[in-house]
Amino acid sequence: MKKTKVLNSALSRVIAALGHGDMILIADAGMPTPLHAPDVEIIDLALTAGTPAFAEVLAVVLSEMQVQSHVVAQEMLDGRLPPLAALDQSATLTGERQVVSHEALKALSHNARAFIRTGECTPYANVMLVAGVTF
């Protein structure tokens, strides 16, 4: 059995397969999935409203993924939403922040390697993580 934090086999596989510049989106329960983008793997972790929370999924992903930068929607910053605190607390692990509109983030999700749906029910609780390298 695996000893690291990520036990979900699809999530573990995706993180292990990331290359420099590849992106994964950690999304709230309401973010539209990029179904017409066949190269984007959808990993649905949502169980019930709020479970798992955005912050929980972010912490676990960051424990295994080397992140170069991240992208958030301006709407998340404007609302000073609670999930933003989780991102701000992880600033040393998430690299430089790029801010785009929510519509631009949805469009960017079509270029991600994976779309990870959480049970988070806070609007705009989404972050695109861009993979870095460990060397």
C-alpha atoms as a PDB file:
ATOM      1  CA  MET A   1       0.000   0.000   0.000  1.00  0.00           C
ATOM      2  CA  LYS A   2       1.110   3.558  -0.792  1.00  0.00           C
ATOM      3  CA  LYS A   3       2.733   5.519   2.056  1.00  0.00           C
ATOM      4  CA  THR A   4       2.237   9.074   0.807  1.00  0.00           C
ATOM      5  CA  LYS A   5      -0.894  11.163   1.401  1.00  0.00           C
ATOM      6  CA  VAL A   6      -2.701  10.728  -1.918  1.00  0.00           C
ATOM      7  CA  LEU A   7      -4.604   7.455  -1.885  1.00  0.00           C
ATOM      8  CA  ASN A   8      -6.934   8.239  -4.804  1.00  0.00           C
ATOM      9  CA  SER A   9      -5.336   6.281  -7.643  1.00  0.00           C
ATOM     10  CA  ALA A  10      -6.392   8.652 -10.447  1.00  0.00           C
ATOM     11  CA  LEU A  11      -5.127  11.723  -8.582  1.00  0.00           C
ATOM     12  CA  SER A  12      -1.864  10.027  -7.651  1.00  0.00           C
ATOM     13  CA  ARG A  13      -1.291   8.918 -11.250  1.00  0.00           C
ATOM     14  CA  VAL A  14      -1.982  12.382 -12.667  1.00  0.00           C
ATOM     15  CA  ILE A  15       0.399  14.102 -10.242  1.00  0.00           C
ATOM     16  CA  ALA A  16       3.115  11.535 -10.962  1.00  0.00           C
ATOM     17  CA  ALA A  17       2.727  12.069 -14.721  1.00  0.00           C
ATOM     18  CA  LEU A  18       2.929  15.890 -14.672  1.00  0.00           C
ATOM     19  CA  GLY A  19       5.705  17.570 -16.595  1.00  0.00           C
ATOM     20  CA  HIS A  20       7.020  21.118 -16.321  1.00  0.00           C
ATOM     21  CA  GLY A  21       4.253  23.544 -17.269  1.00  0.00           C
ATOM     22  CA  ASP A  22       1.419  21.012 -17.113  1.00  0.00           C
ATOM     23  CA  MET A  23      -1.673  22.283 -15.309  1.00  0.00           C
ATOM     24  CA  ILE A  24      -4.297  20.829 -13.009  1.00  0.00           C
ATOM     25  CA  LEU A  25      -7.425  22.630 -11.827  1.00  0.00           C
ATOM     26  CA  ILE A  26      -8.776  22.195  -8.315  1.00  0.00           C
ATOM     27  CA  ALA A  27     -12.400  23.246  -8.697  1.00  0.00           C
ATOM     28  CA  ASP A  28     -15.458  23.910  -6.602  1.00  0.00           C
ATOM     29  CA  ALA A  29     -18.536  21.744  -7.039  1.00  0.00           C
ATOM     30  CA  GLY A  30     -20.168  24.214  -9.420  1.00  0.00           C
ATOM     31  CA  MET A  31     -17.326  24.777 -11.908  1.00  0.00           C
ATOM     32  CA  PRO A  32     -18.372  23.454 -15.333  1.00  0.00           C
ATOM     33  CA  THR A  33     -16.273  20.470 -16.357  1.00  0.00           C
ATOM     34  CA  PRO A  34     -14.500  20.714 -19.726  1.00  0.00           C
ATOM     35  CA  LEU A  35     -16.379  17.712 -21.143  1.00  0.00           C
ATOM     36  CA  HIS A  36     -15.662  18.653 -24.754  1.00  0.00           C
ATOM     37  CA  ALA A  37     -11.903  18.657 -24.066  1.00  0.00           C
ATOM     38  CA  PRO A  38     -11.104  14.939 -24.340  1.00  0.00           C
ATOM     39  CA  ASP A  39      -7.511  15.302 -23.101  1.00  0.00           C
ATOM     40  CA  VAL A  40      -8.613  16.675 -19.716  1.00  0.00           C
ATOM     41  CA  GLU A  41      -9.077  13.932 -17.138  1.00  0.00           C
ATOM     42  CA  ILE A  42     -11.946  14.626 -14.753  1.00  0.00           C
ATOM     43  CA  ILE A  43     -11.328  13.397 -11.209  1.00  0.00           C
ATOM     44  CA  ASP A  44     -14.496  13.836  -9.175  1.00  0.00           C
ATOM     45  CA  LEU A  45     -13.721  13.749  -5.456  1.00  0.00           C
ATOM     46  CA  ALA A  46     -17.007  15.403  -4.356  1.00  0.00           C
ATOM     47  CA  LEU A  47     -18.998  13.366  -1.822  1.00  0.00           C
ATOM     48  CA  THR A  48     -21.431  15.887  -0.357  1.00  0.00           C
ATOM     49  CA  ALA A  49     -21.698  19.663  -0.160  1.00  0.00           C
ATOM     50  CA  GLY A  50     -18.461  20.780   1.464  1.00  0.00           C
ATOM     51  CA  THR A  51     -16.733  17.386   1.400  1.00  0.00           C
ATOM     52  CA  PRO A  52     -13.943  17.378   0.573  1.00  0.00           C
ATOM     53  CA  ALA A  53     -13.325  21.079   1.012  1.00  0.00           C
ATOM     54  CA  PHE A  54     -11.146  23.100  -1.353  1.00  0.00           C
ATOM     55  CA  ALA A  55      -8.526  23.656   1.380  1.00  0.00           C
ATOM     56  CA  GLU A  56      -8.271  19.935   2.145  1.00  0.00           C
ATOM     57  CA  VAL A  57      -7.721  18.975  -1.478  1.00  0.00           C
ATOM     58  CA  LEU A  58      -5.264  21.821  -2.028  1.00  0.00           C
ATOM     59  CA  ALA A  59      -3.170  20.768   0.993  1.00  0.00           C
ATOM     60  CA  VAL A  60      -2.978  17.156  -0.111  1.00  0.00           C
ATOM     61  CA  VAL A  61      -2.141  18.004  -3.733  1.00  0.00           C
ATOM     62  CA  LEU A  62       0.560  20.446  -2.609  1.00  0.00           C
ATOM     63  CA  SER A  63       2.098  17.733  -0.441  1.00  0.00           C
ATOM     64  CA  GLU A  64       2.973  15.803  -3.604  1.00  0.00           C
ATOM     65  CA  MET A  65       3.087  18.307  -6.466  1.00  0.00           C
ATOM     66  CA  GLN A  66       5.901  20.720  -7.271  1.00  0.00           C
ATOM     67  CA  VAL A  67       4.125  23.958  -8.228  1.00  0.00           C
ATOM     68  CA  GLN A  68       5.721  26.765 -10.217  1.00  0.00           C
ATOM     69  CA  SER A  69       2.760  29.146 -10.276  1.00  0.00           C
ATOM     70  CA  HIS A  70      -0.996  29.290  -9.962  1.00  0.00           C
ATOM     71  CA  VAL A  71      -3.931  31.034 -11.626  1.00  0.00           C
ATOM     72  CA  VAL A  72      -7.047  32.313  -9.886  1.00  0.00           C
ATOM     73  CA  ALA A  73     -10.076  34.295 -10.965  1.00  0.00           C
ATOM     74  CA  GLN A  74     -10.351  37.958 -10.043  1.00  0.00           C
ATOM     75  CA  GLU A  75     -13.773  37.138  -8.589  1.00  0.00           C
ATOM     76  CA  MET A  76     -12.100  35.002  -5.905  1.00  0.00           C
ATOM     77  CA  LEU A  77      -9.917  37.943  -4.882  1.00  0.00           C
ATOM     78  CA  ASP A  78     -12.769  40.459  -5.025  1.00  0.00           C
ATOM     79  CA  GLY A  79     -14.907  38.382  -2.668  1.00  0.00           C
ATOM     80  CA  ARG A  80     -12.050  37.655  -0.225  1.00  0.00           C
ATOM     81  CA  LEU A  81     -13.523  34.164  -0.059  1.00  0.00           C
ATOM     82  CA  PRO A  82     -12.433  31.708   2.674  1.00  0.00           C
ATOM     83  CA  PRO A  83     -10.681  29.381   0.172  1.00  0.00           C
ATOM     84  CA  LEU A  84      -8.414  32.313  -0.700  1.00  0.00           C
ATOM     85  CA  ALA A  85      -6.976  32.084   2.821  1.00  0.00           C
ATOM     86  CA  ALA A  86      -5.875  28.506   2.094  1.00  0.00           C
ATOM     87  CA  LEU A  87      -4.068  29.723  -1.023  1.00  0.00           C
ATOM     88  CA  ASP A  88      -2.465  32.627   0.801  1.00  0.00           C
ATOM     89  CA  GLN A  89      -1.266  30.316   3.593  1.00  0.00           C
ATOM     90  CA  SER A  90       0.312  28.068   0.954  1.00  0.00           C
ATOM     91  CA  ALA A  91       2.033  30.925  -0.906  1.00  0.00           C
ATOM     92  CA  THR A  92       5.494  29.389  -0.528  1.00  0.00           C
ATOM     93  CA  LEU A  93       4.221  26.225  -2.237  1.00  0.00           C
ATOM     94  CA  THR A  94       2.117  27.773  -4.993  1.00  0.00           C
ATOM     95  CA  GLY A  95       4.574  30.201  -6.593  1.00  0.00           C
ATOM     96  CA  GLU A  96       3.687  33.343  -8.466  1.00  0.00           C
ATOM     97  CA  ARG A  97       0.001  34.237  -8.796  1.00  0.00           C
ATOM     98  CA  GLN A  98      -1.626  35.100 -12.093  1.00  0.00           C
ATOM     99  CA  VAL A  99      -5.098  36.634 -11.989  1.00  0.00           C
ATOM    100  CA  VAL A 100      -7.631  36.251 -14.807  1.00  0.00           C
ATOM    101  CA  SER A 101     -11.396  36.539 -15.126  1.00  0.00           C
ATOM    102  CA  HIS A 102     -13.574  33.595 -14.130  1.00  0.00           C
ATOM    103  CA  GLU A 103     -14.482  33.142 -17.803  1.00  0.00           C
ATOM    104  CA  ALA A 104     -10.781  33.017 -18.732  1.00  0.00           C
ATOM    105  CA  LEU A 105     -10.136  30.429 -16.004  1.00  0.00           C
ATOM    106  CA  LYS A 106     -12.962  28.279 -17.375  1.00  0.00           C
ATOM    107  CA  ALA A 107     -11.420  28.531 -20.854  1.00  0.00           C
ATOM    108  CA  LEU A 108      -7.976  27.691 -19.442  1.00  0.00           C
ATOM    109  CA  SER A 109      -9.409  24.542 -17.843  1.00  0.00           C
ATOM    110  CA  HIS A 110      -9.654  23.062 -21.345  1.00  0.00           C
ATOM    111  CA  ASN A 111      -5.833  22.985 -21.449  1.00  0.00           C
ATOM    112  CA  ALA A 112      -5.397  21.252 -18.089  1.00  0.00           C
ATOM    113  CA  ARG A 113      -4.150  17.705 -17.660  1.00  0.00           C
ATOM    114  CA  ALA A 114      -6.796  17.170 -14.974  1.00  0.00           C
ATOM    115  CA  PHE A 115      -9.915  18.782 -13.535  1.00  0.00           C
ATOM    116  CA  ILE A 116     -10.268  17.877  -9.852  1.00  0.00           C
ATOM    117  CA  ARG A 117     -13.791  18.499  -8.582  1.00  0.00           C
ATOM    118  CA  THR A 118     -14.154  19.036  -4.843  1.00  0.00           C
ATOM    119  CA  GLY A 119     -17.280  19.278  -2.722  1.00  0.00           C
ATOM    120  CA  GLU A 120     -16.561  22.965  -2.071  1.00  0.00           C
ATOM    121  CA  CYS A 121     -19.719  25.062  -2.428  1.00  0.00           C
ATOM    122  CA  THR A 122     -18.091  28.490  -2.216  1.00  0.00           C
ATOM    123  CA  PRO A 123     -18.386  30.319  -5.558  1.00  0.00           C
ATOM    124  CA  TYR A 124     -15.111  30.916  -7.426  1.00  0.00           C
ATOM    125  CA  ALA A 125     -13.127  28.507  -5.201  1.00  0.00           C
ATOM    126  CA  ASN A 126     -10.944  27.345  -8.075  1.00  0.00           C
ATOM    127  CA  VAL A 127      -7.217  27.332  -8.686  1.00  0.00           C
ATOM    128  CA  MET A 128      -5.131  26.234 -11.645  1.00  0.00           C
ATOM    129  CA  LEU A 129      -1.792  24.850 -10.483  1.00  0.00           C
ATOM    130  CA  VAL A 130       1.108  24.930 -12.933  1.00  0.00           C
ATOM    131  CA  ALA A 131       3.702  22.190 -12.417  1.00  0.00           C
ATOM    132  CA  GLY A 132       7.281  23.114 -11.755  1.00  0.00           C
ATOM    133  CA  VAL A 133      10.411  20.997 -11.515  1.00  0.00           C
ATOM    134  CA  THR A 134      12.269  19.782  -8.458  1.00  0.00           C
ATOM    135  CA  PHE A 135      15.735  20.484  -9.860  1.00  0.00           C
END
